[in-house]
Amino acid sequence: MSLYAPWSLRELVRELATGATTPAAALDRARSRIADTEPELAAWVVQEPSPDTTSVMGVLGGVPFGVKDIIDVAGLPTRCGSALRADLPAATADAPIVRAWRSAGAVVVGKTVTTEFAFFAPGPTDNPAAQGHTPGGSSSGSAAAVASGQVPLAIGSQTAGSVTRPAAYCGVASLVMTHGRFPVDGVVGLSPNLDSHGVYAAGVGDVAVAWAALTGTRPAAAPSRPLRVLSWTAEPIGVVDDEMRQALETLRKQLTEGGAVVDEFPEERLIAEVTAAHPVVMAYEAARERDRELAAADRLSEPLARLLQTGAATPVADYHAAQRTVAEARGRIAGLLASYDVIVGPAAPGAAPAGLEATGDPVLSRAWQALGLPVVTIPGLRGTAGLPLGVQAIGPARGETDLLARAAWIETRLS
């Protein structure tokens, strides 16, 4: 039995709206799929024992969804993938982002696996699209739960590449929201200037439905004129493998044949500089955001302990210099996005690496996360071994609705 079987959110929303199915039946379907696949997949930390489907309202009206286990859900523990939090009591209130999804009609199924404090030490989750390969991190459980069809919707968070990379590796769509779009209260974060919310669904159109429900808006119409695309190669960063490079060439050809105007991205070196600045900001802020964990560094994984210790030793002048690099770049990229619709490039260096001992490299998300821009991961491309190769589309700040419409158009070129 294949574990890769994404469940269309759009189809479920239509079925719920027309009465072709019910919230209780949708929940039963989710629980059945979890029961069938969870022994192999290990995407969940804890499941909600008695979700209420009797009074759900909103556009999503009964859609089952998963919540990354660094985000508070009332009545469930927030363990953050760490033994340090094993004995903490259950959260007494939902995080605002969970309340917002509930208000849209989504029903919490449970908490999904995260890496330790949303950094690098992986949990047990496998990749539904490539068993024995990493599902990415840190929102590994949410991406895998959607890719396997356990739920049609799940939420995560991103500080470096924690939403984009798992979506790319697992062959599903995701949205990283503009930094600050929703409050991060009730989220155990790492870096106030970097932490952002994210959401997963089967395809870009499914994410667009979720976003419209969350924000009380309507999905944007398909582009009415040729899309203006900047093609970002990430070559100066030096990590893109040959298979991904070839996939990007294929994508560029498909976009051009589809009528898009595709130009080379002119700020490759600038993005490499922002990529280098991102870890300085992240480490410096993480050491202060997670100071209690820093005090117990001997009980942390080696990568997390090193991050916090590096951040604690980082001079404030270095932190401010990194922040200036990001701020200067933000204006230049905003100028480009005033003339182009979208920047498109690799979401990861290649396909998901074999093994579950590491989560892959987030480097190709670092700059866009530092800039605080919304990012959509677009599924559809596959490598020679059949593994997913995700691409990411970047748009202007607070432009999620239009970005999703443009990314959906790109997605149709890949099918």
Protein backbone atom coordinates (compact mmCIF):
# COMPACT_ATOMS: atom_id res chain seq x y z
CA MET A 1 0.00 0.00 0.00
CA SER A 2 1.40 3.36 -1.04
CA LEU A 3 1.54 5.97 1.67
CA TYR A 4 1.35 8.86 -0.81
CA ALA A 5 -2.31 9.72 -1.38
CA PRO A 6 -3.08 13.41 -0.74
CA TRP A 7 -6.69 14.24 0.11
CA SER A 8 -8.07 17.20 -1.84
CA LEU A 9 -9.25 19.98 0.43
CA ARG A 10 -11.21 21.58 -2.41
CA GLU A 11 -13.17 18.39 -3.01
CA LEU A 12 -13.88 17.92 0.68
CA VAL A 13 -15.08 21.51 1.08
CA ARG A 14 -17.47 21.02 -1.87
CA GLU A 15 -18.74 17.75 -0.40
CA LEU A 16 -19.32 19.35 3.00
CA ALA A 17 -21.07 22.36 1.44
CA THR A 18 -23.43 20.23 -0.65
CA GLY A 19 -24.14 17.64 2.03
CA ALA A 20 -22.44 14.87 0.06
CA THR A 21 -20.51 14.17 3.24
CA THR A 22 -20.65 15.31 6.85
CA PRO A 23 -18.08 16.58 9.36
CA ALA A 24 -18.43 13.33 11.30
CA ALA A 25 -17.79 11.28 8.16
CA ALA A 26 -14.76 13.41 7.27
CA LEU A 27 -13.37 12.86 10.75
CA ASP A 28 -14.01 9.12 10.46
CA ARG A 29 -12.15 9.08 7.14
CA ALA A 30 -9.19 10.87 8.71
CA ARG A 31 -9.09 8.52 11.68
CA SER A 32 -9.34 5.47 9.44
CA ARG A 33 -6.48 6.62 7.24
CA ILE A 34 -4.38 7.44 10.31
CA ALA A 35 -5.05 3.98 11.71
CA ASP A 36 -4.02 2.37 8.41
CA THR A 37 -0.83 4.36 7.83
CA GLU A 38 0.42 5.68 11.14
CA PRO A 39 2.37 2.53 12.12
CA GLU A 40 4.61 3.12 9.09
CA LEU A 41 4.42 6.90 8.93
CA ALA A 42 4.63 8.14 12.57
CA ALA A 43 3.30 11.64 11.82
CA TRP A 44 1.38 12.22 15.07
CA VAL A 45 2.43 12.94 18.65
CA VAL A 46 -1.05 12.85 20.17
CA GLN A 47 -4.57 12.76 18.78
CA GLU A 48 -7.54 14.71 20.06
CA PRO A 49 -9.70 12.11 21.86
CA SER A 50 -13.08 13.68 21.11
CA PRO A 51 -13.13 16.40 18.42
CA ASP A 52 -16.43 18.26 18.29
CA THR A 53 -17.98 18.11 14.82
CA THR A 54 -21.51 19.01 15.87
CA SER A 55 -21.35 22.78 15.74
CA VAL A 56 -18.66 23.57 13.16
CA MET A 57 -19.28 26.60 10.96
CA GLY A 58 -17.32 28.56 8.38
CA VAL A 59 -16.06 27.78 4.89
CA LEU A 60 -14.06 24.77 6.07
CA GLY A 61 -17.09 23.51 8.07
CA GLY A 62 -15.72 20.20 9.42
CA VAL A 63 -12.35 19.82 7.66
CA PRO A 64 -9.98 17.73 9.82
CA PHE A 65 -6.59 19.34 10.38
CA GLY A 66 -3.32 18.73 12.19
CA VAL A 67 -1.34 21.16 14.32
CA LYS A 68 2.45 21.14 14.62
CA ASP A 69 3.49 20.29 18.17
CA ILE A 70 5.06 23.64 18.95
CA ILE A 71 1.64 25.34 18.70
CA ASP A 72 -0.77 25.32 21.64
CA VAL A 73 -4.06 23.48 21.39
CA ALA A 74 -6.31 23.65 24.44
CA GLY A 75 -6.38 20.35 26.29
CA LEU A 76 -3.34 18.87 24.51
CA PRO A 77 0.31 19.05 25.58
CA THR A 78 2.87 21.06 23.60
CA ARG A 79 5.96 18.84 23.72
CA CYS A 80 8.11 20.46 20.98
CA GLY A 81 9.82 17.15 20.25
CA SER A 82 11.85 17.48 23.46
CA ALA A 83 12.18 15.49 26.67
CA LEU A 84 12.53 18.83 28.45
CA ARG A 85 8.78 19.32 28.03
CA ALA A 86 7.67 15.75 28.71
CA ASP A 87 6.07 16.57 32.06
CA LEU A 88 4.43 19.89 31.22
CA PRO A 89 0.64 20.03 31.57
CA ALA A 90 -1.69 20.41 28.62
CA ALA A 91 -2.20 23.87 27.16
CA THR A 92 -5.12 25.74 28.69
CA ALA A 93 -5.97 27.75 25.55
CA ASP A 94 -5.57 27.60 21.80
CA ALA A 95 -2.89 29.70 20.16
CA PRO A 96 -4.52 32.56 18.19
CA ILE A 97 -3.63 30.86 14.91
CA VAL A 98 -5.48 27.71 16.01
CA ARG A 99 -8.49 29.80 17.06
CA ALA A 100 -8.45 31.38 13.61
CA TRP A 101 -8.49 28.00 11.86
CA ARG A 102 -11.27 26.77 14.16
CA SER A 103 -13.27 29.92 13.35
CA ALA A 104 -12.94 29.01 9.68
CA GLY A 105 -14.50 25.62 10.48
CA ALA A 106 -11.49 23.32 10.77
CA VAL A 107 -11.53 20.54 13.37
CA VAL A 108 -8.34 19.65 15.25
CA VAL A 109 -7.42 15.97 14.90
CA GLY A 110 -4.25 16.22 16.98
CA LYS A 111 -0.64 17.36 17.21
CA THR A 112 1.88 16.46 14.51
CA VAL A 113 5.53 15.57 14.94
CA THR A 114 8.12 18.35 14.98
CA THR A 115 11.86 18.26 15.21
CA GLU A 116 13.27 19.24 18.60
CA PHE A 117 12.13 22.83 19.27
CA ALA A 118 11.61 23.20 15.50
CA PHE A 119 15.33 22.88 14.74
CA PHE A 120 17.30 19.97 13.26
CA ALA A 121 17.02 16.87 15.51
CA PRO A 122 14.41 14.77 13.66
CA GLY A 123 11.44 12.87 14.99
CA PRO A 124 10.39 9.41 13.73
CA THR A 125 8.27 10.53 10.75
CA ASP A 126 8.81 8.87 7.37
CA ASN A 127 8.21 10.40 3.94
CA PRO A 128 4.99 9.14 2.31
CA ALA A 129 6.27 10.00 -1.16
CA ALA A 130 9.64 8.30 -0.68
CA GLN A 131 9.70 5.87 2.22
CA GLY A 132 13.10 5.67 3.86
CA HIS A 133 13.84 9.27 2.86
CA THR A 134 13.52 12.27 5.15
CA PRO A 135 10.22 14.15 5.11
CA GLY A 136 12.19 17.30 5.91
CA GLY A 137 11.83 19.42 9.00
CA SER A 138 10.84 20.90 11.22
CA SER A 139 7.14 20.60 10.26
CA SER A 140 7.69 16.99 9.23
CA GLY A 141 4.55 15.49 10.73
CA SER A 142 2.23 18.08 9.18
CA ALA A 143 3.68 17.63 5.69
CA ALA A 144 3.60 13.84 5.93
CA ALA A 145 0.05 13.81 7.30
CA VAL A 146 -1.15 15.78 4.28
CA ALA A 147 0.93 13.85 1.73
CA SER A 148 -0.43 10.54 3.03
CA GLY A 149 -4.05 11.68 3.04
CA GLN A 150 -4.43 11.39 6.79
CA VAL A 151 -5.82 14.93 6.78
CA PRO A 152 -6.41 17.40 3.95
CA LEU A 153 -5.01 20.34 5.95
CA ALA A 154 -2.22 20.81 8.48
CA ILE A 155 -0.32 23.75 9.89
CA GLY A 156 3.33 24.32 10.65
CA SER A 157 5.81 27.10 11.22
CA GLN A 158 8.96 28.30 9.48
CA THR A 159 12.06 30.00 10.83
CA ALA A 160 14.49 28.81 8.14
CA GLY A 161 12.98 26.19 5.82
CA SER A 162 10.61 24.29 8.10
CA VAL A 163 7.51 24.45 5.89
CA THR A 164 8.91 24.85 2.38
CA ARG A 165 11.39 21.97 2.55
CA PRO A 166 8.96 19.32 3.90
CA ALA A 167 6.41 20.28 1.25
CA ALA A 168 9.07 19.93 -1.46
CA TYR A 169 10.26 16.57 -0.16
CA CYS A 170 6.77 15.13 0.41
CA GLY A 171 5.23 16.34 -2.85
CA VAL A 172 2.53 18.66 -1.51
CA ALA A 173 1.80 22.38 -1.58
CA SER A 174 2.43 24.85 1.21
CA LEU A 175 2.17 28.50 2.03
CA VAL A 176 4.54 30.37 4.34
CA MET A 177 2.72 33.52 5.36
CA THR A 178 4.21 37.00 5.36
CA HIS A 179 6.12 37.51 8.60
CA GLY A 180 3.76 39.01 11.17
CA ARG A 181 0.59 38.23 9.18
CA PHE A 182 -0.87 36.46 12.22
CA PRO A 183 0.35 36.64 15.84
CA VAL A 184 2.69 33.93 17.06
CA ASP A 185 1.43 33.92 20.65
CA GLY A 186 1.05 30.36 21.89
CA VAL A 187 3.85 29.17 19.61
CA VAL A 188 7.18 27.97 21.00
CA GLY A 189 9.37 29.82 18.53
CA LEU A 190 13.05 30.41 17.92
CA SER A 191 13.39 33.86 16.41
CA PRO A 192 10.88 36.74 16.65
CA ASN A 193 12.15 38.36 13.46
CA LEU A 194 11.98 35.11 11.49
CA ASP A 195 9.18 32.88 12.84
CA SER A 196 6.18 32.66 10.49
CA HIS A 197 3.07 30.51 10.19
CA GLY A 198 2.59 27.97 7.43
CA VAL A 199 -0.07 25.66 6.05
CA TYR A 200 -0.07 22.47 3.94
CA ALA A 201 -2.61 21.02 1.52
CA ALA A 202 -2.47 18.68 -1.46
CA GLY A 203 -2.14 21.28 -4.20
CA VAL A 204 -1.85 25.03 -4.58
CA GLY A 205 -5.56 25.39 -5.29
CA ASP A 206 -6.30 23.59 -2.03
CA VAL A 207 -4.03 25.99 -0.14
CA ALA A 208 -5.82 28.90 -1.81
CA VAL A 209 -9.17 27.62 -0.50
CA ALA A 210 -7.69 27.29 2.98
CA TRP A 211 -6.20 30.80 2.86
CA ALA A 212 -9.48 32.33 1.69
CA ALA A 213 -11.32 30.58 4.53
CA LEU A 214 -8.77 31.70 7.11
CA THR A 215 -8.81 35.34 5.99
CA GLY A 216 -12.48 35.67 5.04
CA THR A 217 -11.59 36.54 1.45
CA ARG A 218 -12.14 34.96 -1.95
CA PRO A 219 -9.44 33.18 -3.95
CA ALA A 220 -8.04 35.40 -6.69
CA ALA A 221 -8.92 34.65 -10.29
CA ALA A 222 -6.34 33.12 -12.60
CA PRO A 223 -3.97 35.67 -14.17
CA SER A 224 -5.66 37.50 -17.06
CA ARG A 225 -2.41 38.45 -18.81
CA PRO A 226 0.94 36.75 -19.37
CA LEU A 227 2.67 36.08 -16.05
CA ARG A 228 5.91 38.00 -15.50
CA VAL A 229 8.35 35.63 -13.85
CA LEU A 230 11.86 36.03 -12.49
CA SER A 231 13.79 32.75 -12.60
CA TRP A 232 16.06 32.38 -9.55
CA THR A 233 18.73 29.68 -9.92
CA ALA A 234 20.50 29.99 -6.53
CA GLU A 235 23.75 29.14 -8.31
CA PRO A 236 25.95 31.41 -6.11
CA ILE A 237 24.79 29.45 -3.05
CA GLY A 238 26.28 26.35 -4.62
CA VAL A 239 23.93 23.59 -3.41
CA VAL A 240 21.50 22.89 -6.27
CA ASP A 241 22.07 19.41 -7.68
CA ASP A 242 22.00 18.44 -11.35
CA GLU A 243 18.54 16.87 -11.17
CA MET A 244 17.01 20.01 -9.69
CA ARG A 245 18.91 22.18 -12.16
CA GLN A 246 17.42 20.18 -15.03
CA ALA A 247 13.96 20.39 -13.47
CA LEU A 248 14.25 24.18 -13.33
CA GLU A 249 15.16 24.27 -17.01
CA THR A 250 12.11 22.14 -17.75
CA LEU A 251 9.97 24.47 -15.67
CA ARG A 252 11.27 27.54 -17.45
CA LYS A 253 10.49 25.98 -20.82
CA GLN A 254 6.98 25.02 -19.70
CA LEU A 255 6.28 28.49 -18.38
CA THR A 256 7.47 30.13 -21.59
CA GLU A 257 5.40 27.75 -23.71
CA GLY A 258 2.44 28.58 -21.48
CA GLY A 259 2.77 32.25 -22.38
CA ALA A 260 4.72 33.58 -19.40
CA VAL A 261 7.48 36.14 -19.76
CA VAL A 262 10.45 34.59 -17.95
CA ASP A 263 13.54 36.67 -17.19
CA GLU A 264 16.67 35.91 -15.23
CA PHE A 265 16.64 36.99 -11.61
CA PRO A 266 19.18 39.85 -11.40
CA GLU A 267 19.96 39.71 -7.66
CA GLU A 268 21.50 36.25 -7.26
CA ARG A 269 24.49 37.59 -5.27
CA LEU A 270 22.27 39.68 -3.04
CA ILE A 271 20.18 36.64 -2.08
CA ALA A 272 23.39 34.74 -1.31
CA GLU A 273 24.37 37.57 1.06
CA VAL A 274 20.98 37.47 2.79
CA THR A 275 21.28 33.70 3.02
CA ALA A 276 24.52 34.16 4.96
CA ALA A 277 22.95 36.80 7.22
CA HIS A 278 19.95 34.66 8.17
CA PRO A 279 21.75 32.18 10.50
CA VAL A 280 23.36 35.06 12.41
CA VAL A 281 19.94 36.56 13.15
CA MET A 282 18.47 33.16 13.93
CA ALA A 283 21.18 32.06 16.36
CA TYR A 284 21.34 35.40 18.17
CA GLU A 285 17.59 35.54 18.69
CA ALA A 286 17.19 31.82 19.46
CA ALA A 287 19.71 32.07 22.33
CA ARG A 288 17.51 34.73 23.92
CA GLU A 289 14.14 33.26 22.98
CA ARG A 290 15.11 29.84 24.32
CA ASP A 291 17.29 30.93 27.26
CA ARG A 292 15.77 28.33 29.57
CA GLU A 293 16.74 25.59 27.17
CA LEU A 294 20.21 27.12 26.82
CA ALA A 295 20.59 26.72 30.57
CA ALA A 296 19.90 22.99 30.10
CA ALA A 297 22.07 22.57 27.01
CA ASP A 298 23.37 19.20 28.21
CA ARG A 299 19.85 17.81 27.69
CA LEU A 300 19.51 19.10 24.15
CA SER A 301 20.64 17.59 20.87
CA GLU A 302 24.10 18.65 19.75
CA PRO A 303 22.82 20.80 16.84
CA LEU A 304 20.36 22.75 19.01
CA ALA A 305 22.83 23.20 21.85
CA ARG A 306 25.38 24.49 19.34
CA LEU A 307 22.87 26.92 17.82
CA LEU A 308 22.01 28.41 21.20
CA GLN A 309 25.62 28.57 22.36
CA THR A 310 26.67 30.18 19.07
CA GLY A 311 23.90 32.74 19.40
CA ALA A 312 24.82 33.54 22.99
CA ALA A 313 28.41 34.21 21.88
CA THR A 314 27.46 36.30 18.83
CA PRO A 315 28.45 39.97 19.24
CA VAL A 316 25.55 42.38 19.05
CA ALA A 317 27.42 44.25 16.31
CA ASP A 318 27.35 41.13 14.12
CA TYR A 319 23.63 40.75 14.73
CA HIS A 320 22.95 44.36 13.78
CA ALA A 321 25.11 44.04 10.67
CA ALA A 322 23.14 40.98 9.57
CA GLN A 323 19.90 42.87 10.17
CA ARG A 324 21.15 45.76 8.01
CA THR A 325 21.98 43.35 5.19
CA VAL A 326 18.44 42.01 5.31
CA ALA A 327 16.84 45.46 5.51
CA GLU A 328 18.79 46.79 2.53
CA ALA A 329 17.93 43.72 0.47
CA ARG A 330 14.25 43.98 1.37
CA GLY A 331 13.93 47.27 -0.49
CA ARG A 332 15.70 46.00 -3.59
CA ILE A 333 13.59 42.84 -3.80
CA ALA A 334 10.40 44.85 -3.23
CA GLY A 335 11.41 46.98 -6.21
CA LEU A 336 11.74 43.90 -8.41
CA LEU A 337 8.38 42.54 -7.28
CA ALA A 338 6.79 45.83 -8.25
CA SER A 339 7.69 45.02 -11.86
CA TYR A 340 7.28 41.23 -11.84
CA ASP A 341 4.52 38.96 -10.59
CA VAL A 342 6.57 36.26 -8.95
CA ILE A 343 10.07 34.92 -8.33
CA VAL A 344 10.39 31.18 -8.96
CA GLY A 345 13.27 28.93 -7.93
CA PRO A 346 14.25 25.68 -6.22
CA ALA A 347 12.58 24.91 -2.90
CA ALA A 348 15.38 22.53 -1.90
CA PRO A 349 18.74 21.49 -3.35
CA GLY A 350 17.16 18.33 -4.78
CA ALA A 351 14.95 15.43 -3.80
CA ALA A 352 14.65 14.22 -0.22
CA PRO A 353 17.90 12.62 0.98
CA ALA A 354 17.80 8.96 1.98
CA GLY A 355 17.60 8.17 5.69
CA LEU A 356 15.67 9.58 8.63
CA GLU A 357 18.68 10.72 10.67
CA ALA A 358 18.69 14.27 9.26
CA THR A 359 16.13 16.61 7.72
CA GLY A 360 17.94 18.04 4.71
CA ASP A 361 19.31 21.50 4.02
CA PRO A 362 17.10 24.60 4.55
CA VAL A 363 19.56 26.96 2.87
CA LEU A 364 17.36 27.81 -0.12
CA SER A 365 14.61 29.17 2.15
CA ARG A 366 16.81 31.22 4.44
CA ALA A 367 16.94 34.45 2.44
CA TRP A 368 13.20 34.58 1.68
CA GLN A 369 12.42 33.88 5.33
CA ALA A 370 14.77 36.65 6.46
CA LEU A 371 13.01 39.01 4.05
CA GLY A 372 9.66 38.03 5.57
CA LEU A 373 8.00 37.36 2.21
CA PRO A 374 5.19 34.88 1.49
CA VAL A 375 6.30 31.70 -0.23
CA VAL A 376 4.28 28.97 -1.95
CA THR A 377 5.76 25.53 -2.55
CA ILE A 378 4.49 24.11 -5.84
CA PRO A 379 4.40 20.32 -6.31
CA GLY A 380 4.39 18.49 -9.62
CA LEU A 381 7.97 17.99 -10.75
CA ARG A 382 9.63 14.61 -10.22
CA GLY A 383 13.18 13.37 -10.53
CA THR A 384 14.43 10.35 -12.42
CA ALA A 385 13.72 8.06 -9.45
CA GLY A 386 10.20 9.45 -9.14
CA LEU A 387 10.89 11.50 -6.01
CA PRO A 388 9.24 14.93 -5.72
CA LEU A 389 11.19 18.03 -6.68
CA GLY A 390 9.51 21.11 -5.23
CA VAL A 391 9.84 24.65 -6.53
CA GLN A 392 8.99 27.78 -4.59
CA ALA A 393 7.21 30.93 -5.70
CA ILE A 394 7.93 34.15 -3.82
CA GLY A 395 5.70 37.22 -3.90
CA PRO A 396 5.42 40.65 -2.28
CA ALA A 397 4.68 41.07 1.42
CA ARG A 398 1.02 40.54 2.30
CA GLY A 399 0.33 39.43 -1.26
CA GLU A 400 -0.65 35.84 -0.42
CA THR A 401 -3.94 35.83 -2.34
CA ASP A 402 -2.43 36.91 -5.66
CA LEU A 403 0.68 34.78 -5.10
CA LEU A 404 -1.48 31.67 -4.66
CA ALA A 405 -3.34 32.41 -7.90
CA ARG A 406 -0.08 32.82 -9.79
CA ALA A 407 1.41 29.70 -8.21
CA ALA A 408 -1.72 27.75 -9.16
CA TRP A 409 -1.26 28.83 -12.77
CA ILE A 410 2.35 27.62 -12.62
CA GLU A 411 1.20 24.33 -11.10
CA THR A 412 -1.06 23.67 -14.10
CA ARG A 413 2.00 23.93 -16.36
CA LEU A 414 3.60 21.02 -14.46
CA SER A 415 0.75 18.54 -14.92
